Structures are given as C-alpha cells and as structure tokens.
C-alpha cells in the first residue's frame, strides 16, 4: 500500500484542509479529504506537477500529466491525470469526504 498526504493551509484566502491519497498494489488511487474556507458552489480540483506553494499556483507547475494529455474533465478520455473534476462546496464553505479514483501513485505502466 502507498499513502501520501497534502496539507492545505496558510493561504491568503483562508483555505485549509488535508487531502489523503491511498493506493493498493497497482490499482487506482483513492483521494479523500476535507477542505474549509471555500465559497459555496463548485470548485475545480486538480493536482499540480510540483509541490512548491511558495508563490501560490505560479510555483506549482502545470497539472500532473505523466502521459502528455490535454486538459479535460474526469470523464473525458483525453485529459490530464491531475484533472479530478469539481468539489461541491456546501454553504458553510466546507467539502468533506470527497472521493476520486482516477490517478496512480505508483504504477508499472500508466494508462487511464
């Protein structure tokens, strides 16, 4: 089993949370977690190639894309692996218990 965590915090917008990544064997990765401090409604959710947040999104690089695809939604055949769709944020600014199973933390070959 492979596990990873991304901690969201210290943003000037007040967005905080934790995102957990879990993968069994060569299967797809389950992404779960919680985010607070967002405005109600849909918010795009994606993974960037770099973990450097020193300059916000300017230092995080492009969307995670190990096989050279184009931007798209999670159900599109041709899309970045890091394009995970939208979080549906409630009126209290929180998104909890979302699950995405579209990426691979450790794969022998990457196909999606």
PDB file of N, CA and C in Angstrom:
ATOM      1  N   UNK A   1       0.848  -1.175   0.000  1.00  0.00           N
ATOM      2  CA  UNK A   1       0.000   0.000   0.000  1.00  0.00           C
ATOM      3  C   UNK A   1       0.894   1.238   0.000  1.00  0.00           C
ATOM      4  N   UNK A   2       0.510   2.225  -0.800  1.00  0.00           N
ATOM      5  CA  UNK A   2       1.213   3.501  -0.857  1.00  0.00           C
ATOM      6  C   UNK A   2       0.259   4.574  -0.347  1.00  0.00           C
ATOM      7  N   UNK A   3       0.775   5.455   0.525  1.00  0.00           N
ATOM      8  CA  UNK A   3      -0.046   6.539   1.063  1.00  0.00           C
ATOM      9  C   UNK A   3       0.711   7.855   0.957  1.00  0.00           C
ATOM     10  N   UNK A   4      -0.048   8.935   0.773  1.00  0.00           N
ATOM     11  CA  UNK A   4       0.531  10.280   0.761  1.00  0.00           C
ATOM     12  C   UNK A   4      -0.519  11.239   1.305  1.00  0.00           C
ATOM     13  N   UNK A   5      -0.072  12.402   1.753  1.00  0.00           N
ATOM     14  CA  UNK A   5      -0.998  13.421   2.250  1.00  0.00           C
ATOM     15  C   UNK A   5      -0.537  14.784   1.758  1.00  0.00           C
ATOM     16  N   UNK A   6      -1.503  15.617   1.407  1.00  0.00           N
ATOM     17  CA  UNK A   6      -1.228  17.017   1.062  1.00  0.00           C
ATOM     18  C   UNK A   6      -1.935  17.874   2.099  1.00  0.00           C
ATOM     19  N   UNK A   7      -1.197  18.767   2.724  1.00  0.00           N
ATOM     20  CA  UNK A   7      -1.762  19.659   3.733  1.00  0.00           C
ATOM     21  C   UNK A   7      -1.955  21.027   3.093  1.00  0.00           C
ATOM     22  N   UNK A   8      -3.194  21.510   3.124  1.00  0.00           N
ATOM     23  CA  UNK A   8      -3.520  22.824   2.576  1.00  0.00           C
ATOM     24  C   UNK A   8      -3.611  23.802   3.725  1.00  0.00           C
ATOM     25  N   UNK A   9      -2.946  24.918   3.610  1.00  0.00           N
ATOM     26  CA  UNK A   9      -3.019  25.898   4.681  1.00  0.00           C
ATOM     27  C   UNK A   9      -2.146  27.093   4.423  1.00  0.00           C
ATOM     28  N   UNK A  10      -2.309  28.070   5.287  1.00  0.00           N
ATOM     29  CA  UNK A  10      -1.537  29.302   5.225  1.00  0.00           C
ATOM     30  C   UNK A  10      -1.745  30.086   3.939  1.00  0.00           C
ATOM     31  N   UNK A  11      -2.880  29.896   3.275  1.00  0.00           N
ATOM     32  CA  UNK A  11      -3.144  30.688   2.077  1.00  0.00           C
ATOM     33  C   UNK A  11      -3.745  32.024   2.480  1.00  0.00           C
ATOM     34  N   UNK A  12      -3.541  33.023   1.667  1.00  0.00           N
ATOM     35  CA  UNK A  12      -4.107  34.342   1.958  1.00  0.00           C
ATOM     36  C   UNK A  12      -5.623  34.322   1.855  1.00  0.00           C
ATOM     37  N   UNK A  13      -6.179  33.311   1.178  1.00  0.00           N
ATOM     38  CA  UNK A  13      -7.633  33.199   1.031  1.00  0.00           C
ATOM     39  C   UNK A  13      -8.290  32.468   2.195  1.00  0.00           C
ATOM     40  N   UNK A  14      -7.507  31.897   3.104  1.00  0.00           N
ATOM     41  CA  UNK A  14      -8.062  31.191   4.255  1.00  0.00           C
ATOM     42  C   UNK A  14      -8.506  29.771   3.969  1.00  0.00           C
ATOM     43  N   UNK A  15      -8.070  29.190   2.858  1.00  0.00           N
ATOM     44  CA  UNK A  15      -8.423  27.815   2.522  1.00  0.00           C
ATOM     45  C   UNK A  15      -7.473  26.876   3.255  1.00  0.00           C
ATOM     46  N   UNK A  16      -8.052  25.871   3.921  1.00  0.00           N
ATOM     47  CA  UNK A  16      -7.276  24.894   4.682  1.00  0.00           C
ATOM     48  C   UNK A  16      -7.849  23.505   4.463  1.00  0.00           C
ATOM     49  N   UNK A  17      -7.066  22.495   4.762  1.00  0.00           N
ATOM     50  CA  UNK A  17      -7.575  21.138   4.682  1.00  0.00           C
ATOM     51  C   UNK A  17      -6.480  20.116   4.555  1.00  0.00           C
ATOM     52  N   UNK A  18      -6.903  18.877   4.392  1.00  0.00           N
ATOM     53  CA  UNK A  18      -5.982  17.762   4.175  1.00  0.00           C
ATOM     54  C   UNK A  18      -6.569  16.866   3.098  1.00  0.00           C
ATOM     55  N   UNK A  19      -5.698  16.430   2.204  1.00  0.00           N
ATOM     56  CA  UNK A  19      -6.083  15.519   1.139  1.00  0.00           C
ATOM     57  C   UNK A  19      -5.244  14.257   1.318  1.00  0.00           C
ATOM     58  N   UNK A  20      -5.897  13.107   1.345  1.00  0.00           N
ATOM     59  CA  UNK A  20      -5.225  11.830   1.566  1.00  0.00           C
ATOM     60  C   UNK A  20      -5.270  10.991   0.293  1.00  0.00           C
ATOM     61  N   UNK A  21      -4.142  10.400  -0.063  1.00  0.00           N
ATOM     62  CA  UNK A  21      -4.010   9.559  -1.245  1.00  0.00           C
ATOM     63  C   UNK A  21      -3.644   8.155  -0.781  1.00  0.00           C
ATOM     64  N   UNK A  22      -4.396   7.142  -1.218  1.00  0.00           N
ATOM     65  CA  UNK A  22      -4.135   5.758  -0.838  1.00  0.00           C
ATOM     66  C   UNK A  22      -4.245   4.874  -2.070  1.00  0.00           C
ATOM     67  N   UNK A  23      -3.239   4.023  -2.275  1.00  0.00           N
ATOM     68  CA  UNK A  23      -3.260   3.104  -3.411  1.00  0.00           C
ATOM     69  C   UNK A  23      -2.883   1.708  -2.958  1.00  0.00           C
ATOM     70  N   UNK A  24      -3.690   0.731  -3.334  1.00  0.00           N
ATOM     71  CA  UNK A  24      -3.412  -0.684  -3.064  1.00  0.00           C
ATOM     72  C   UNK A  24      -2.805  -1.301  -4.321  1.00  0.00           C
ATOM     73  N   UNK A  25      -1.621  -1.889  -4.214  1.00  0.00           N
ATOM     74  CA  UNK A  25      -0.990  -2.549  -5.359  1.00  0.00           C
ATOM     75  C   UNK A  25      -0.848  -1.610  -6.546  1.00  0.00           C
ATOM     76  N   UNK A  26      -1.207  -2.098  -7.736  1.00  0.00           N
ATOM     77  CA  UNK A  26      -1.156  -1.280  -8.944  1.00  0.00           C
ATOM     78  C   UNK A  26      -2.513  -0.696  -9.301  1.00  0.00           C
ATOM     79  N   UNK A  27      -3.444  -0.693  -8.357  1.00  0.00           N
ATOM     80  CA  UNK A  27      -4.770  -0.138  -8.604  1.00  0.00           C
ATOM     81  C   UNK A  27      -4.756   1.378  -8.631  1.00  0.00           C
ATOM     82  N   UNK A  28      -5.917   1.949  -8.855  1.00  0.00           N
ATOM     83  CA  UNK A  28      -6.039   3.402  -8.852  1.00  0.00           C
ATOM     84  C   UNK A  28      -5.972   3.939  -7.433  1.00  0.00           C
ATOM     85  N   UNK A  29      -5.647   5.192  -7.318  1.00  0.00           N
ATOM     86  CA  UNK A  29      -5.503   5.855  -6.029  1.00  0.00           C
ATOM     87  C   UNK A  29      -6.833   6.440  -5.585  1.00  0.00           C
ATOM     88  N   UNK A  30      -7.189   6.215  -4.338  1.00  0.00           N
ATOM     89  CA  UNK A  30      -8.365   6.846  -3.747  1.00  0.00           C
ATOM     90  C   UNK A  30      -7.919   8.151  -3.110  1.00  0.00           C
ATOM     91  N   UNK A  31      -8.595   9.238  -3.478  1.00  0.00           N
ATOM     92  CA  UNK A  31      -8.288  10.566  -2.952  1.00  0.00           C
ATOM     93  C   UNK A  31      -9.465  10.998  -2.095  1.00  0.00           C
ATOM     94  N   UNK A  32      -9.219  11.219  -0.801  1.00  0.00           N
ATOM     95  CA  UNK A  32     -10.265  11.649   0.119  1.00  0.00           C
ATOM     96  C   UNK A  32      -9.748  12.842   0.912  1.00  0.00           C
ATOM     97  N   UNK A  33     -10.622  13.478   1.652  1.00  0.00           N
ATOM     98  CA  UNK A  33     -10.148  14.557   2.499  1.00  0.00           C
ATOM     99  C   UNK A  33     -11.213  15.568   2.832  1.00  0.00           C
ATOM    100  N   UNK A  34     -10.747  16.737   3.281  1.00  0.00           N
ATOM    101  CA  UNK A  34     -11.651  17.829   3.606  1.00  0.00           C
ATOM    102  C   UNK A  34     -10.965  19.149   3.283  1.00  0.00           C
ATOM    103  N   UNK A  35     -11.764  20.111   2.895  1.00  0.00           N
ATOM    104  CA  UNK A  35     -11.278  21.461   2.606  1.00  0.00           C
ATOM    105  C   UNK A  35     -12.252  22.437   3.242  1.00  0.00           C
ATOM    106  N   UNK A  36     -11.731  23.462   3.905  1.00  0.00           N
ATOM    107  CA  UNK A  36     -12.565  24.502   4.505  1.00  0.00           C
ATOM    108  C   UNK A  36     -12.140  25.864   3.968  1.00  0.00           C
ATOM    109  N   UNK A  37     -13.021  26.858   4.131  1.00  0.00           N
ATOM    110  CA  UNK A  37     -12.698  28.226   3.743  1.00  0.00           C
ATOM    111  C   UNK A  37     -12.989  28.556   2.296  1.00  0.00           C
ATOM    112  N   UNK A  38     -13.737  27.707   1.604  1.00  0.00           N
ATOM    113  CA  UNK A  38     -14.103  27.966   0.213  1.00  0.00           C
ATOM    114  C   UNK A  38     -15.474  28.620   0.131  1.00  0.00           C
ATOM    115  N   UNK A  39     -15.736  29.342  -0.932  1.00  0.00           N
ATOM    116  CA  UNK A  39     -17.079  29.879  -1.149  1.00  0.00           C
ATOM    117  C   UNK A  39     -17.978  28.734  -1.611  1.00  0.00           C
ATOM    118  N   UNK A  40     -19.286  28.808  -1.306  1.00  0.00           N
ATOM    119  CA  UNK A  40     -20.203  27.744  -1.719  1.00  0.00           C
ATOM    120  C   UNK A  40     -20.228  27.592  -3.241  1.00  0.00           C
ATOM    121  N   UNK A  41     -20.463  26.362  -3.697  1.00  0.00           N
ATOM    122  CA  UNK A  41     -20.554  26.085  -5.129  1.00  0.00           C
ATOM    123  C   UNK A  41     -19.470  25.121  -5.568  1.00  0.00           C
ATOM    124  N   UNK A  42     -19.299  25.044  -6.873  1.00  0.00           N
ATOM    125  CA  UNK A  42     -18.324  24.114  -7.441  1.00  0.00           C
ATOM    126  C   UNK A  42     -16.959  24.770  -7.586  1.00  0.00           C
ATOM    127  N   UNK A  43     -15.929  24.021  -7.225  1.00  0.00           N
ATOM    128  CA  UNK A  43     -14.543  24.472  -7.350  1.00  0.00           C
ATOM    129  C   UNK A  43     -13.744  23.385  -8.060  1.00  0.00           C
ATOM    130  N   UNK A  44     -12.994  23.768  -9.080  1.00  0.00           N
ATOM    131  CA  UNK A  44     -12.145  22.815  -9.783  1.00  0.00           C
ATOM    132  C   UNK A  44     -11.134  22.201  -8.831  1.00  0.00           C
ATOM    133  N   UNK A  45     -10.903  20.917  -8.989  1.00  0.00           N
ATOM    134  CA  UNK A  45      -9.984  20.191  -8.115  1.00  0.00           C
ATOM    135  C   UNK A  45      -8.988  19.460  -8.996  1.00  0.00           C
ATOM    136  N   UNK A  46      -7.732  19.814  -8.859  1.00  0.00           N
ATOM    137  CA  UNK A  46      -6.707  19.196  -9.691  1.00  0.00           C
ATOM    138  C   UNK A  46      -5.392  19.111  -8.935  1.00  0.00           C
ATOM    139  N   UNK A  47      -4.517  18.293  -9.457  1.00  0.00           N
ATOM    140  CA  UNK A  47      -3.199  18.091  -8.866  1.00  0.00           C
ATOM    141  C   UNK A  47      -2.170  18.737  -9.780  1.00  0.00           C
ATOM    142  N   UNK A  48      -1.274  19.512  -9.191  1.00  0.00           N
ATOM    143  CA  UNK A  48      -0.190  20.123  -9.959  1.00  0.00           C
ATOM    144  C   UNK A  48       1.033  19.216  -9.946  1.00  0.00           C
ATOM    145  N   UNK A  49       1.938  19.449 -10.876  1.00  0.00           N
ATOM    146  CA  UNK A  49       3.139  18.623 -11.015  1.00  0.00           C
ATOM    147  C   UNK A  49       4.144  18.846  -9.891  1.00  0.00           C
ATOM    148  N   UNK A  50       4.147  20.044  -9.300  1.00  0.00           N
ATOM    149  CA  UNK A  50       5.125  20.378  -8.272  1.00  0.00           C
ATOM    150  C   UNK A  50       4.434  20.691  -6.954  1.00  0.00           C
ATOM    151  N   UNK A  51       5.083  20.405  -5.854  1.00  0.00           N
ATOM    152  CA  UNK A  51       4.525  20.676  -4.533  1.00  0.00           C
ATOM    153  C   UNK A  51       4.985  21.988  -3.935  1.00  0.00           C
ATOM    154  N   UNK A  52       5.576  22.846  -4.726  1.00  0.00           N
ATOM    155  CA  UNK A  52       6.111  24.124  -4.249  1.00  0.00           C
ATOM    156  C   UNK A  52       5.009  25.183  -4.245  1.00  0.00           C
ATOM    157  N   UNK A  53       4.536  25.562  -3.068  1.00  0.00           N
ATOM    158  CA  UNK A  53       3.467  26.564  -2.968  1.00  0.00           C
ATOM    159  C   UNK A  53       3.980  27.918  -2.487  1.00  0.00           C
ATOM    160  N   UNK A  54       5.282  28.147  -2.578  1.00  0.00           N
ATOM    161  CA  UNK A  54       5.848  29.406  -2.084  1.00  0.00           C
ATOM    162  C   UNK A  54       5.313  30.624  -2.816  1.00  0.00           C
ATOM    163  N   UNK A  55       4.871  30.461  -4.048  1.00  0.00           N
ATOM    164  CA  UNK A  55       4.322  31.573  -4.825  1.00  0.00           C
ATOM    165  C   UNK A  55       2.941  31.209  -5.359  1.00  0.00           C
ATOM    166  N   UNK A  56       2.151  30.543  -4.523  1.00  0.00           N
ATOM    167  CA  UNK A  56       0.807  30.140  -4.927  1.00  0.00           C
ATOM    168  C   UNK A  56       0.850  29.219  -6.137  1.00  0.00           C
ATOM    169  N   UNK A  57      -0.144  29.343  -7.008  1.00  0.00           N
ATOM    170  CA  UNK A  57      -0.225  28.486  -8.195  1.00  0.00           C
ATOM    171  C   UNK A  57       0.890  28.770  -9.199  1.00  0.00           C
ATOM    172  N   UNK A  58       1.550  29.907  -9.075  1.00  0.00           N
ATOM    173  CA  UNK A  58       2.636  30.228 -10.006  1.00  0.00           C
ATOM    174  C   UNK A  58       3.840  29.307  -9.833  1.00  0.00           C
ATOM    175  N   UNK A  59       4.009  28.729  -8.647  1.00  0.00           N
ATOM    176  CA  UNK A  59       5.176  27.876  -8.402  1.00  0.00           C
ATOM    177  C   UNK A  59       4.843  26.381  -8.362  1.00  0.00           C
ATOM    178  N   UNK A  60       3.589  26.019  -8.620  1.00  0.00           N
ATOM    179  CA  UNK A  60       3.205  24.609  -8.540  1.00  0.00           C
ATOM    180  C   UNK A  60       3.324  23.867  -9.865  1.00  0.00           C
ATOM    181  N   UNK A  61       3.631  24.572 -10.932  1.00  0.00           N
ATOM    182  CA  UNK A  61       3.776  23.931 -12.236  1.00  0.00           C
ATOM    183  C   UNK A  61       2.438  23.625 -12.881  1.00  0.00           C
ATOM    184  N   UNK A  62       2.517  22.906 -13.979  1.00  0.00           N
ATOM    185  CA  UNK A  62       1.321  22.518 -14.732  1.00  0.00           C
ATOM    186  C   UNK A  62       0.544  21.445 -13.969  1.00  0.00           C
ATOM    187  N   UNK A  63      -0.636  21.090 -14.484  1.00  0.00           N
ATOM    188  CA  UNK A  63      -1.375  19.965 -13.919  1.00  0.00           C
ATOM    189  C   UNK A  63      -0.553  18.688 -14.096  1.00  0.00           C
ATOM    190  N   UNK A  64      -0.662  17.784 -13.135  1.00  0.00           N
ATOM    191  CA  UNK A  64       0.006  16.490 -13.205  1.00  0.00           C
ATOM    192  C   UNK A  64      -0.422  15.786 -14.484  1.00  0.00           C
ATOM    193  N   UNK A  65       0.539  15.444 -15.335  1.00  0.00           N
ATOM    194  CA  UNK A  65       0.234  14.903 -16.659  1.00  0.00           C
ATOM    195  C   UNK A  65       1.380  14.012 -17.141  1.00  0.00           C
ATOM    196  N   UNK A  66       1.504  12.798 -16.593  1.00  0.00           N
ATOM    197  CA  UNK A  66       2.653  11.954 -16.928  1.00  0.00           C
ATOM    198  C   UNK A  66       2.643  11.374 -18.337  1.00  0.00           C
ATOM    199  N   UNK A  67       1.516  11.455 -19.056  1.00  0.00           N
ATOM    200  CA  UNK A  67       1.461  10.823 -20.382  1.00  0.00           C
ATOM    201  C   UNK A  67       1.080  11.783 -21.501  1.00  0.00           C
ATOM    202  N   UNK A  68       1.223  13.093 -21.292  1.00  0.00           N
ATOM    203  CA  UNK A  68       1.067  14.065 -22.369  1.00  0.00           C
ATOM    204  C   UNK A  68      -0.338  14.242 -22.915  1.00  0.00           C
ATOM    205  N   UNK A  69      -1.322  14.295 -22.066  1.00  0.00           N
ATOM    206  CA  UNK A  69      -2.708  14.517 -22.493  1.00  0.00           C
ATOM    207  C   UNK A  69      -3.046  16.002 -22.423  1.00  0.00           C
ATOM    208  N   UNK A  70      -4.260  16.359 -22.845  1.00  0.00           N
ATOM    209  CA  UNK A  70      -4.715  17.744 -22.787  1.00  0.00           C
ATOM    210  C   UNK A  70      -5.667  17.919 -21.613  1.00  0.00           C
ATOM    211  N   UNK A  71      -5.951  19.179 -21.277  1.00  0.00           N
ATOM    212  CA  UNK A  71      -6.861  19.492 -20.179  1.00  0.00           C
ATOM    213  C   UNK A  71      -8.250  18.940 -20.483  1.00  0.00           C
ATOM    214  N   UNK A  72      -8.909  18.405 -19.474  1.00  0.00           N
ATOM    215  CA  UNK A  72     -10.255  17.880 -19.649  1.00  0.00           C
ATOM    216  C   UNK A  72     -10.868  17.522 -18.317  1.00  0.00           C
ATOM    217  N   UNK A  73     -12.101  17.078 -18.359  1.00  0.00           N
ATOM    218  CA  UNK A  73     -12.811  16.674 -17.161  1.00  0.00           C
ATOM    219  C   UNK A  73     -12.526  15.224 -16.811  1.00  0.00           C
ATOM    220  N   UNK A  74     -12.934  14.785 -15.627  1.00  0.00           N
ATOM    221  CA  UNK A  74     -12.610  13.436 -15.160  1.00  0.00           C
ATOM    222  C   UNK A  74     -13.227  12.320 -15.994  1.00  0.00           C
ATOM    223  N   UNK A  75     -14.281  12.597 -16.754  1.00  0.00           N
ATOM    224  CA  UNK A  75     -14.879  11.558 -17.589  1.00  0.00           C
ATOM    225  C   UNK A  75     -14.400  11.627 -19.032  1.00  0.00           C
ATOM    226  N   UNK A  76     -13.586  12.635 -19.375  1.00  0.00           N
ATOM    227  CA  UNK A  76     -13.063  12.755 -20.735  1.00  0.00           C
ATOM    228  C   UNK A  76     -11.981  11.708 -20.971  1.00  0.00           C
ATOM    229  N   UNK A  77     -11.981  11.105 -22.142  1.00  0.00           N
ATOM    230  CA  UNK A  77     -10.966  10.116 -22.484  1.00  0.00           C
ATOM    231  C   UNK A  77      -9.590  10.769 -22.539  1.00  0.00           C
ATOM    232  N   UNK A  78      -9.516  11.964 -23.096  1.00  0.00           N
ATOM    233  CA  UNK A  78      -8.248  12.672 -23.241  1.00  0.00           C
ATOM    234  C   UNK A  78      -8.196  13.795 -22.210  1.00  0.00           C
ATOM    235  N   UNK A  79      -7.471  13.572 -21.112  1.00  0.00           N
ATOM    236  CA  UNK A  79      -7.377  14.561 -20.039  1.00  0.00           C
ATOM    237  C   UNK A  79      -6.103  14.339 -19.245  1.00  0.00           C
ATOM    238  N   UNK A  80      -5.658  15.394 -18.574  1.00  0.00           N
ATOM    239  CA  UNK A  80      -4.526  15.248 -17.657  1.00  0.00           C
ATOM    240  C   UNK A  80      -4.921  14.281 -16.549  1.00  0.00           C
ATOM    241  N   UNK A  81      -3.979  13.510 -16.069  1.00  0.00           N
ATOM    242  CA  UNK A  81      -4.256  12.627 -14.932  1.00  0.00           C
ATOM    243  C   UNK A  81      -4.632  13.434 -13.697  1.00  0.00           C
ATOM    244  N   UNK A  82      -4.136  14.658 -13.596  1.00  0.00           N
ATOM    245  CA  UNK A  82      -4.409  15.504 -12.441  1.00  0.00           C
ATOM    246  C   UNK A  82      -5.719  16.257 -12.484  1.00  0.00           C
ATOM    247  N   UNK A  83      -6.488  16.144 -13.578  1.00  0.00           N
ATOM    248  CA  UNK A  83      -7.795  16.803 -13.669  1.00  0.00           C
ATOM    249  C   UNK A  83      -8.834  15.929 -12.984  1.00  0.00           C
ATOM    250  N   UNK A  84      -9.220  16.292 -11.768  1.00  0.00           N
ATOM    251  CA  UNK A  84     -10.084  15.428 -10.961  1.00  0.00           C
ATOM    252  C   UNK A  84     -11.538  15.861 -10.905  1.00  0.00           C
ATOM    253  N   UNK A  85     -11.899  16.939 -11.554  1.00  0.00           N
ATOM    254  CA  UNK A  85     -13.293  17.362 -11.537  1.00  0.00           C
ATOM    255  C   UNK A  85     -13.524  18.499 -10.572  1.00  0.00           C
ATOM    256  N   UNK A  86     -14.690  18.523  -9.952  1.00  0.00           N
ATOM    257  CA  UNK A  86     -15.077  19.623  -9.076  1.00  0.00           C
ATOM    258  C   UNK A  86     -15.419  19.146  -7.671  1.00  0.00           C
ATOM    259  N   UNK A  87     -15.129  20.005  -6.706  1.00  0.00           N
ATOM    260  CA  UNK A  87     -15.636  19.818  -5.347  1.00  0.00           C
ATOM    261  C   UNK A  87     -16.933  20.600  -5.250  1.00  0.00           C
ATOM    262  N   UNK A  88     -17.960  20.011  -4.689  1.00  0.00           N
ATOM    263  CA  UNK A  88     -19.228  20.697  -4.452  1.00  0.00           C
ATOM    264  C   UNK A  88     -19.205  21.179  -3.005  1.00  0.00           C
ATOM    265  N   UNK A  89     -18.984  22.481  -2.838  1.00  0.00           N
ATOM    266  CA  UNK A  89     -18.796  23.058  -1.508  1.00  0.00           C
ATOM    267  C   UNK A  89     -20.135  23.527  -0.946  1.00  0.00           C
ATOM    268  N   UNK A  90     -20.423  23.111   0.277  1.00  0.00           N
ATOM    269  CA  UNK A  90     -21.672  23.466   0.955  1.00  0.00           C
ATOM    270  C   UNK A  90     -21.668  24.933   1.378  1.00  0.00           C
ATOM    271  N   UNK A  91     -22.805  25.403   1.857  1.00  0.00           N
ATOM    272  CA  UNK A  91     -22.960  26.788   2.287  1.00  0.00           C
ATOM    273  C   UNK A  91     -22.038  27.195   3.412  1.00  0.00           C
ATOM    274  N   UNK A  92     -21.532  26.230   4.171  1.00  0.00           N
ATOM    275  CA  UNK A  92     -20.618  26.546   5.272  1.00  0.00           C
ATOM    276  C   UNK A  92     -19.162  26.635   4.818  1.00  0.00           C
ATOM    277  N   UNK A  93     -18.915  26.509   3.504  1.00  0.00           N
ATOM    278  CA  UNK A  93     -17.563  26.624   2.974  1.00  0.00           C
ATOM    279  C   UNK A  93     -16.721  25.383   3.123  1.00  0.00           C
ATOM    280  N   UNK A  94     -17.365  24.240   3.392  1.00  0.00           N
ATOM    281  CA  UNK A  94     -16.617  23.011   3.636  1.00  0.00           C
ATOM    282  C   UNK A  94     -16.965  21.927   2.619  1.00  0.00           C
ATOM    283  N   UNK A  95     -15.980  21.154   2.238  1.00  0.00           N
ATOM    284  CA  UNK A  95     -16.173  19.968   1.410  1.00  0.00           C
ATOM    285  C   UNK A  95     -15.523  18.808   2.158  1.00  0.00           C
ATOM    286  N   UNK A  96     -16.318  17.807   2.486  1.00  0.00           N
ATOM    287  CA  UNK A  96     -15.831  16.660   3.254  1.00  0.00           C
ATOM    288  C   UNK A  96     -16.081  15.365   2.499  1.00  0.00           C
ATOM    289  N   UNK A  97     -15.245  14.402   2.770  1.00  0.00           N
ATOM    290  CA  UNK A  97     -15.456  13.028   2.317  1.00  0.00           C
ATOM    291  C   UNK A  97     -15.648  12.889   0.813  1.00  0.00           C
ATOM    292  N   UNK A  98     -14.950  13.706   0.034  1.00  0.00           N
ATOM    293  CA  UNK A  98     -14.988  13.524  -1.408  1.00  0.00           C
ATOM    294  C   UNK A  98     -14.029  12.398  -1.765  1.00  0.00           C
ATOM    295  N   UNK A  99     -14.345  11.677  -2.823  1.00  0.00           N
ATOM    296  CA  UNK A  99     -13.519  10.545  -3.239  1.00  0.00           C
ATOM    297  C   UNK A  99     -13.315  10.610  -4.749  1.00  0.00           C
ATOM    298  N   UNK A 100     -12.067  10.550  -5.166  1.00  0.00           N
ATOM    299  CA  UNK A 100     -11.721  10.466  -6.583  1.00  0.00           C
ATOM    300  C   UNK A 100     -10.843   9.232  -6.757  1.00  0.00           C
ATOM    301  N   UNK A 101     -11.063   8.476  -7.796  1.00  0.00           N
ATOM    302  CA  UNK A 101     -10.258   7.280  -8.058  1.00  0.00           C
ATOM    303  C   UNK A 101      -9.758   7.314  -9.498  1.00  0.00           C
ATOM    304  N   UNK A 102      -8.948   8.302  -9.822  1.00  0.00           N
ATOM    305  CA  UNK A 102      -8.555   8.495 -11.213  1.00  0.00           C
ATOM    306  C   UNK A 102      -7.058   8.535 -11.453  1.00  0.00           C
ATOM    307  N   UNK A 103      -6.260   8.500 -10.415  1.00  0.00           N
ATOM    308  CA  UNK A 103      -4.817   8.637 -10.595  1.00  0.00           C
ATOM    309  C   UNK A 103      -4.092   7.437 -10.008  1.00  0.00           C
ATOM    310  N   UNK A 104      -2.799   7.388 -10.237  1.00  0.00           N
ATOM    311  CA  UNK A 104      -1.977   6.293  -9.768  1.00  0.00           C
ATOM    312  C   UNK A 104      -0.741   6.862  -9.085  1.00  0.00           C
ATOM    313  N   UNK A 105      -0.501   6.534  -7.816  1.00  0.00           N
ATOM    314  CA  UNK A 105       0.705   6.985  -7.122  1.00  0.00           C
ATOM    315  C   UNK A 105       1.917   6.184  -7.567  1.00  0.00           C
ATOM    316  N   UNK A 106       1.722   4.902  -7.765  1.00  0.00           N
ATOM    317  CA  UNK A 106       2.815   4.016  -8.136  1.00  0.00           C
ATOM    318  C   UNK A 106       2.267   2.986  -9.102  1.00  0.00           C
ATOM    319  N   UNK A 107       2.642   3.101 -10.358  1.00  0.00           N
ATOM    320  CA  UNK A 107       2.148   2.170 -11.374  1.00  0.00           C
ATOM    321  C   UNK A 107       3.309   1.672 -12.217  1.00  0.00           C
ATOM    322  N   UNK A 108       3.224   0.431 -12.630  1.00  0.00           N
ATOM    323  CA  UNK A 108       4.232  -0.111 -13.536  1.00  0.00           C
ATOM    324  C   UNK A 108       4.100   0.567 -14.892  1.00  0.00           C
ATOM    325  N   UNK A 109       2.891   0.714 -15.380  1.00  0.00           N
ATOM    326  CA  UNK A 109       2.644   1.496 -16.593  1.00  0.00           C
ATOM    327  C   UNK A 109       1.434   2.361 -16.325  1.00  0.00           C
ATOM    328  N   UNK A 110       1.456   3.568 -16.831  1.00  0.00           N
ATOM    329  CA  UNK A 110       0.364   4.498 -16.578  1.00  0.00           C
ATOM    330  C   UNK A 110      -0.546   4.535 -17.780  1.00  0.00           C
ATOM    331  N   UNK A 111      -1.766   4.120 -17.596  1.00  0.00           N
ATOM    332  CA  UNK A 111      -2.780   4.277 -18.637  1.00  0.00           C
ATOM    333  C   UNK A 111      -4.062   4.642 -17.943  1.00  0.00           C
ATOM    334  N   UNK A 112      -4.806   5.513 -18.559  1.00  0.00           N
ATOM    335  CA  UNK A 112      -6.015   5.998 -17.913  1.00  0.00           C
ATOM    336  C   UNK A 112      -7.086   6.226 -18.939  1.00  0.00           C
TER     337      UNK A 112
END
